Amino acid sequence: MSEQILKLGIPKGSLEKATFDLFEKAGFHITGYERSYFPRINDEQVQLIMLRAQEMSRYVEDGVLDAGFTGYDWILENKSTTHQVCELFYSKATSNPARWVLAVPNESKVKKAEDLDGGIVATELVGVTKEYFKKKEIKVKVEFSWGATEVKARLVNAIVELTETGSSLKANNLRIIDTLLTSTTRFIANKEAWKDKFKREKIENISILLNAAIDAKTTVGLKMNVPQKKLADILQILPAEKSPTVSTLADSQFVAVEVVVDTTTERNIVPKLKRAGASGIITYPLNKVIH
């Protein structure tokens, strides 16, 4: 084991699987997380510790961890002071930001936040919720919820709950009346650890690889053979901001053209490329895209 170690916090719970999948795509292999809060990673300079995202920022701020992954929501809730390494666009089910929303039963007469004056609101995000109502000068009692908050929507006047797609709220016949906060995953570091040359470089390396893995999720490699006389037409179809690689082939009348594009662009331009004279068109997935 190396004498220089980066203590890295991995979120236990809803972000757990998505985080491990992202690390795997970035080139790290993690084992033992099914049975231990100290899983192993194929990097002897990194020690992993699994903690709930709700408390991650506190442990990073206090220096118990050098760095970790958590949601922007819990950084605000804990009022933690840390260095933000980067914003990572991944979450439990999608790449979309998660939202903390104010919701009520469909049958409720409440139409806006002001209608809750004098009522009770249940949530896990107590501090942020209290601040929301304070700014609006609405007097409510905010109660901490230990989970299954949707169930409590009919026991109290409203709930503030985290949603990614809104499907769980709809399934429980709840409707959203406002959004308190939009949150994404953040890679954060202890301020003193960030000043340490070894730890900072290690953290930056992990950040580069994880962001490259995220970018690769929405991009593909695109390769094709193009007649020399059709090259100008083909280049007109490819995205203007991309600079394709053009290589000569054994047959001097043809060139190979290769470019990286996002998946939506690829879907739209492949038929156009075919009609413009490209042949042998290949699309392939990417593991990492480093800009």
Protein backbone atom coordinates (compact mmCIF):
# COMPACT_ATOMS: atom_id res chain seq x y z
CA MET A 1 0.00 0.00 0.00
CA SER A 2 1.32 3.43 -0.96
CA GLU A 3 2.14 5.85 1.85
CA GLN A 4 0.25 8.56 -0.03
CA ILE A 5 -3.48 7.86 0.10
CA LEU A 6 -6.51 9.78 -1.13
CA LYS A 7 -9.54 9.10 1.10
CA LEU A 8 -12.48 9.24 -1.27
CA GLY A 9 -16.15 9.16 -0.25
CA ILE A 10 -18.61 7.24 -2.42
CA PRO A 11 -22.33 7.94 -1.86
CA LYS A 12 -24.25 5.05 -0.33
CA GLY A 13 -27.86 4.82 -1.44
CA SER A 14 -29.61 6.18 -4.53
CA LEU A 15 -26.42 7.37 -6.27
CA GLU A 16 -24.43 4.25 -5.39
CA LYS A 17 -24.94 2.10 -8.49
CA ALA A 18 -24.70 5.04 -10.91
CA THR A 19 -21.41 6.11 -9.29
CA PHE A 20 -19.85 2.65 -9.48
CA ASP A 21 -21.00 2.28 -13.11
CA LEU A 22 -19.39 5.61 -13.93
CA PHE A 23 -16.10 4.62 -12.27
CA GLU A 24 -16.11 1.36 -14.22
CA LYS A 25 -16.59 3.21 -17.49
CA ALA A 26 -13.79 5.60 -16.51
CA GLY A 27 -11.38 2.66 -16.17
CA PHE A 28 -11.56 1.88 -12.45
CA HIS A 29 -12.55 -1.54 -11.13
CA ILE A 30 -14.29 -1.59 -7.74
CA THR A 31 -15.11 -4.75 -5.79
CA GLY A 32 -16.56 -5.65 -2.42
CA TYR A 33 -19.11 -2.86 -2.19
CA GLU A 34 -21.96 -5.34 -1.76
CA ARG A 35 -20.59 -6.44 1.63
CA SER A 36 -18.34 -3.66 2.91
CA TYR A 37 -18.37 0.08 3.48
CA PHE A 38 -14.70 0.03 2.44
CA PRO A 39 -14.76 -1.40 -1.10
CA ARG A 40 -11.54 -2.06 -2.99
CA ILE A 41 -10.43 -0.15 -6.08
CA ASN A 42 -7.65 -1.03 -8.52
CA ASP A 43 -5.63 2.02 -7.48
CA GLU A 44 -3.42 1.55 -4.42
CA GLN A 45 -3.32 5.31 -3.83
CA VAL A 46 -7.09 5.56 -3.32
CA GLN A 47 -9.07 4.38 -0.29
CA LEU A 48 -12.84 4.27 -0.75
CA ILE A 49 -15.30 4.89 2.06
CA MET A 50 -19.05 4.61 1.53
CA LEU A 51 -21.27 7.16 3.29
CA ARG A 52 -24.75 8.54 2.78
CA ALA A 53 -24.81 11.50 0.38
CA GLN A 54 -26.70 13.43 3.07
CA GLU A 55 -23.63 13.54 5.33
CA MET A 56 -20.81 13.45 2.78
CA SER A 57 -20.12 17.20 2.66
CA ARG A 58 -19.71 17.40 6.45
CA TYR A 59 -17.04 14.70 6.48
CA VAL A 60 -15.22 16.31 3.56
CA GLU A 61 -15.36 19.72 5.23
CA ASP A 62 -14.01 18.29 8.49
CA GLY A 63 -11.15 16.49 6.73
CA VAL A 64 -12.30 12.98 7.62
CA LEU A 65 -12.41 12.52 3.84
CA ASP A 66 -10.17 14.22 1.31
CA ALA A 67 -12.89 14.30 -1.35
CA GLY A 68 -16.27 12.82 -2.12
CA PHE A 69 -19.40 12.82 -4.23
CA THR A 70 -22.69 14.28 -3.10
CA GLY A 71 -25.61 16.35 -4.30
CA TYR A 72 -25.63 20.13 -4.40
CA ASP A 73 -28.78 19.90 -2.27
CA TRP A 74 -26.93 18.33 0.67
CA ILE A 75 -24.08 20.81 0.45
CA LEU A 76 -26.66 23.57 0.89
CA GLU A 77 -28.56 21.68 3.59
CA ASN A 78 -25.37 21.12 5.62
CA LYS A 79 -24.05 24.64 4.84
CA SER A 80 -20.70 22.98 4.15
CA THR A 81 -17.61 24.87 3.03
CA THR A 82 -15.61 22.76 0.59
CA HIS A 83 -13.81 23.14 -2.73
CA GLN A 84 -16.02 22.19 -5.67
CA VAL A 85 -13.91 20.19 -8.09
CA CYS A 86 -16.59 19.83 -10.76
CA GLU A 87 -20.25 19.30 -11.49
CA LEU A 88 -21.06 15.81 -12.74
CA PHE A 89 -24.16 15.33 -14.85
CA TYR A 90 -25.36 11.95 -13.69
CA SER A 91 -27.98 10.84 -11.19
CA LYS A 92 -29.89 7.74 -10.13
CA ALA A 93 -31.84 7.04 -13.30
CA THR A 94 -30.91 9.67 -15.90
CA SER A 95 -28.40 12.41 -16.66
CA ASN A 96 -30.98 15.05 -15.76
CA PRO A 97 -30.73 17.21 -12.64
CA ALA A 98 -32.88 16.13 -9.71
CA ARG A 99 -35.47 18.54 -8.29
CA TRP A 100 -36.78 19.16 -4.79
CA VAL A 101 -40.44 19.98 -5.32
CA LEU A 102 -43.34 21.11 -3.18
CA ALA A 103 -46.18 18.66 -3.77
CA VAL A 104 -49.71 18.05 -2.54
CA PRO A 105 -52.37 15.38 -3.20
CA ASN A 106 -54.33 15.82 -6.40
CA GLU A 107 -57.49 16.34 -4.35
CA SER A 108 -55.94 19.12 -2.24
CA LYS A 109 -57.31 22.67 -2.56
CA VAL A 110 -53.79 24.04 -2.31
CA LYS A 111 -52.77 25.73 -5.57
CA LYS A 112 -49.70 27.71 -4.49
CA ALA A 113 -47.23 27.86 -1.60
CA GLU A 114 -49.08 30.74 0.05
CA ASP A 115 -52.11 28.47 0.53
CA LEU A 116 -50.06 26.43 3.03
CA ASP A 117 -49.82 29.26 5.58
CA GLY A 118 -50.29 27.77 9.06
CA GLY A 119 -49.89 24.22 7.78
CA ILE A 120 -47.38 21.37 8.16
CA VAL A 121 -44.83 20.31 5.54
CA ALA A 122 -42.85 17.05 5.73
CA THR A 123 -39.43 16.66 4.12
CA GLU A 124 -35.93 15.28 4.52
CA LEU A 125 -34.48 18.60 3.34
CA VAL A 126 -35.53 20.58 6.39
CA GLY A 127 -33.08 23.50 6.31
CA VAL A 128 -33.58 24.39 2.65
CA THR A 129 -37.35 24.04 3.01
CA LYS A 130 -37.46 26.36 6.04
CA GLU A 131 -35.41 28.93 4.12
CA TYR A 132 -37.79 28.70 1.16
CA PHE A 133 -40.85 29.47 3.26
CA LYS A 134 -39.00 32.13 5.26
CA LYS A 135 -38.14 34.03 2.07
CA LYS A 136 -41.78 33.88 1.02
CA GLU A 137 -42.89 34.98 4.54
CA ILE A 138 -45.15 31.96 4.83
CA LYS A 139 -45.53 30.48 8.31
CA VAL A 140 -45.46 26.69 8.21
CA LYS A 141 -44.18 23.94 10.47
CA VAL A 142 -41.48 21.91 8.69
CA GLU A 143 -41.17 18.34 10.00
CA PHE A 144 -38.31 15.96 9.25
CA SER A 145 -39.33 12.87 7.29
CA TRP A 146 -37.40 9.62 7.68
CA GLY A 147 -38.34 8.49 4.18
CA ALA A 148 -41.44 7.36 2.28
CA THR A 149 -42.38 11.03 2.23
CA GLU A 150 -45.02 10.55 -0.48
CA VAL A 151 -47.11 8.58 2.03
CA LYS A 152 -47.17 11.58 4.39
CA ALA A 153 -48.63 13.93 1.80
CA ARG A 154 -52.11 12.95 3.03
CA LEU A 155 -51.14 13.09 6.71
CA VAL A 156 -49.80 16.66 6.58
CA ASN A 157 -50.58 19.59 4.29
CA ALA A 158 -47.73 19.14 1.79
CA ILE A 159 -44.37 17.52 1.23
CA VAL A 160 -41.06 18.60 -0.25
CA GLU A 161 -39.63 15.61 -2.07
CA LEU A 162 -36.78 14.79 -4.46
CA THR A 163 -37.81 13.77 -7.95
CA GLU A 164 -35.92 12.95 -11.11
CA THR A 165 -38.70 12.00 -13.50
CA GLY A 166 -41.84 12.75 -11.48
CA SER A 167 -43.11 9.18 -11.95
CA SER A 168 -43.25 8.35 -8.23
CA LEU A 169 -45.25 11.49 -7.48
CA LYS A 170 -47.71 10.69 -10.26
CA ALA A 171 -48.01 7.10 -9.04
CA ASN A 172 -49.01 8.42 -5.62
CA ASN A 173 -51.51 10.88 -7.12
CA LEU A 174 -49.52 13.94 -6.14
CA ARG A 175 -49.05 17.16 -8.07
CA ILE A 176 -46.19 19.64 -8.01
CA ILE A 177 -46.95 23.24 -7.12
CA ASP A 178 -43.40 24.62 -7.02
CA THR A 179 -39.72 23.72 -7.37
CA LEU A 180 -37.49 24.70 -4.45
CA LEU A 181 -34.14 23.56 -5.79
CA THR A 182 -32.50 21.91 -8.79
CA SER A 183 -29.58 19.71 -7.80
CA THR A 184 -26.78 17.89 -9.60
CA THR A 185 -23.99 15.64 -8.36
CA ARG A 186 -20.87 17.49 -7.22
CA PHE A 187 -17.31 16.25 -6.76
CA ILE A 188 -16.04 18.14 -3.72
CA ALA A 189 -12.70 18.29 -1.90
CA ASN A 190 -11.50 19.30 1.53
CA LYS A 191 -9.83 22.71 1.23
CA GLU A 192 -6.61 21.55 2.88
CA ALA A 193 -6.50 18.38 0.77
CA TRP A 194 -6.86 20.57 -2.32
CA LYS A 195 -3.67 22.40 -1.33
CA ASP A 196 -1.73 19.13 -1.15
CA LYS A 197 0.08 18.50 -4.46
CA PHE A 198 -0.39 14.72 -4.48
CA LYS A 199 -4.05 14.78 -3.44
CA ARG A 200 -4.98 17.61 -5.79
CA GLU A 201 -3.41 15.86 -8.78
CA LYS A 202 -5.14 12.61 -7.86
CA ILE A 203 -8.49 14.37 -7.52
CA GLU A 204 -8.03 16.19 -10.82
CA ASN A 205 -7.13 12.95 -12.58
CA ILE A 206 -10.29 11.27 -11.31
CA SER A 207 -12.34 14.31 -12.36
CA ILE A 208 -10.95 14.23 -15.91
CA LEU A 209 -11.68 10.52 -16.32
CA LEU A 210 -15.19 10.67 -14.86
CA ASN A 211 -16.18 13.64 -17.02
CA ALA A 212 -14.74 11.85 -20.05
CA ALA A 213 -16.89 8.80 -19.24
CA ILE A 214 -19.99 10.98 -18.87
CA ASP A 215 -19.36 12.72 -22.21
CA ALA A 216 -18.87 9.34 -23.88
CA LYS A 217 -22.41 8.30 -22.89
CA THR A 218 -23.92 10.72 -25.38
CA THR A 219 -21.36 10.49 -28.19
CA VAL A 220 -20.30 7.93 -30.78
CA GLY A 221 -17.50 7.51 -33.24
CA LEU A 222 -18.54 7.76 -36.87
CA LYS A 223 -16.36 6.41 -39.70
CA MET A 224 -17.01 6.06 -43.44
CA ASN A 225 -15.43 5.72 -46.85
CA VAL A 226 -15.98 8.66 -49.19
CA PRO A 227 -15.19 9.15 -52.91
CA GLN A 228 -12.73 12.02 -53.34
CA LYS A 229 -15.16 13.81 -55.63
CA LYS A 230 -17.87 13.65 -52.90
CA LEU A 231 -15.66 14.76 -50.00
CA ALA A 232 -16.73 18.41 -50.04
CA ASP A 233 -20.42 17.40 -49.97
CA ILE A 234 -19.84 15.00 -47.06
CA LEU A 235 -17.94 17.62 -45.03
CA GLN A 236 -20.87 19.99 -45.50
CA ILE A 237 -23.17 17.46 -43.81
CA LEU A 238 -20.90 16.87 -40.80
CA PRO A 239 -21.24 19.31 -37.86
CA ALA A 240 -19.37 22.53 -38.62
CA GLU A 241 -17.78 22.67 -35.15
CA LYS A 242 -16.21 19.22 -35.59
CA SER A 243 -12.92 18.69 -37.40
CA PRO A 244 -13.00 15.23 -38.98
CA THR A 245 -9.96 13.10 -39.62
CA VAL A 246 -9.48 12.45 -43.34
CA SER A 247 -7.14 9.60 -44.30
CA THR A 248 -6.05 8.33 -47.69
CA LEU A 249 -6.88 4.76 -48.70
CA ALA A 250 -5.14 2.24 -50.95
CA ASP A 251 -7.63 3.23 -53.62
CA SER A 252 -6.63 6.85 -54.26
CA GLN A 253 -10.15 7.67 -55.45
CA PHE A 254 -11.46 7.20 -51.88
CA VAL A 255 -10.67 8.62 -48.42
CA ALA A 256 -11.68 7.50 -44.93
CA VAL A 257 -13.46 10.12 -42.84
CA GLU A 258 -13.75 9.78 -39.07
CA VAL A 259 -15.40 12.08 -36.53
CA VAL A 260 -16.93 12.03 -33.04
CA VAL A 261 -20.54 13.28 -32.83
CA ASP A 262 -23.35 13.23 -30.31
CA THR A 263 -25.91 10.44 -30.63
CA THR A 264 -28.73 12.72 -31.81
CA THR A 265 -26.57 14.18 -34.59
CA GLU A 266 -25.46 10.69 -35.63
CA ARG A 267 -29.05 9.55 -35.96
CA ASN A 268 -29.94 12.53 -38.12
CA ILE A 269 -26.94 12.63 -40.46
CA VAL A 270 -26.23 8.96 -41.23
CA PRO A 271 -29.05 8.69 -43.84
CA LYS A 272 -27.87 11.99 -45.38
CA LEU A 273 -24.29 10.72 -45.55
CA LYS A 274 -25.45 7.54 -47.26
CA ARG A 275 -27.42 9.50 -49.86
CA ALA A 276 -24.46 11.85 -50.43
CA GLY A 277 -22.23 8.94 -51.45
CA ALA A 278 -20.59 7.69 -48.24
CA SER A 279 -20.22 3.92 -47.90
CA GLY A 280 -18.94 1.47 -45.28
CA ILE A 281 -20.44 3.73 -42.60
CA ILE A 282 -19.60 2.50 -39.09
CA THR A 283 -20.74 3.90 -35.75
CA TYR A 284 -19.14 2.68 -32.54
CA PRO A 285 -19.51 3.40 -28.80
CA LEU A 286 -16.84 5.30 -26.89
CA ASN A 287 -15.54 4.71 -23.36
CA LYS A 288 -14.14 8.18 -22.73
CA VAL A 289 -14.20 11.51 -24.57
CA ILE A 290 -11.60 13.98 -23.30
CA HIS A 291 -11.92 17.52 -24.61
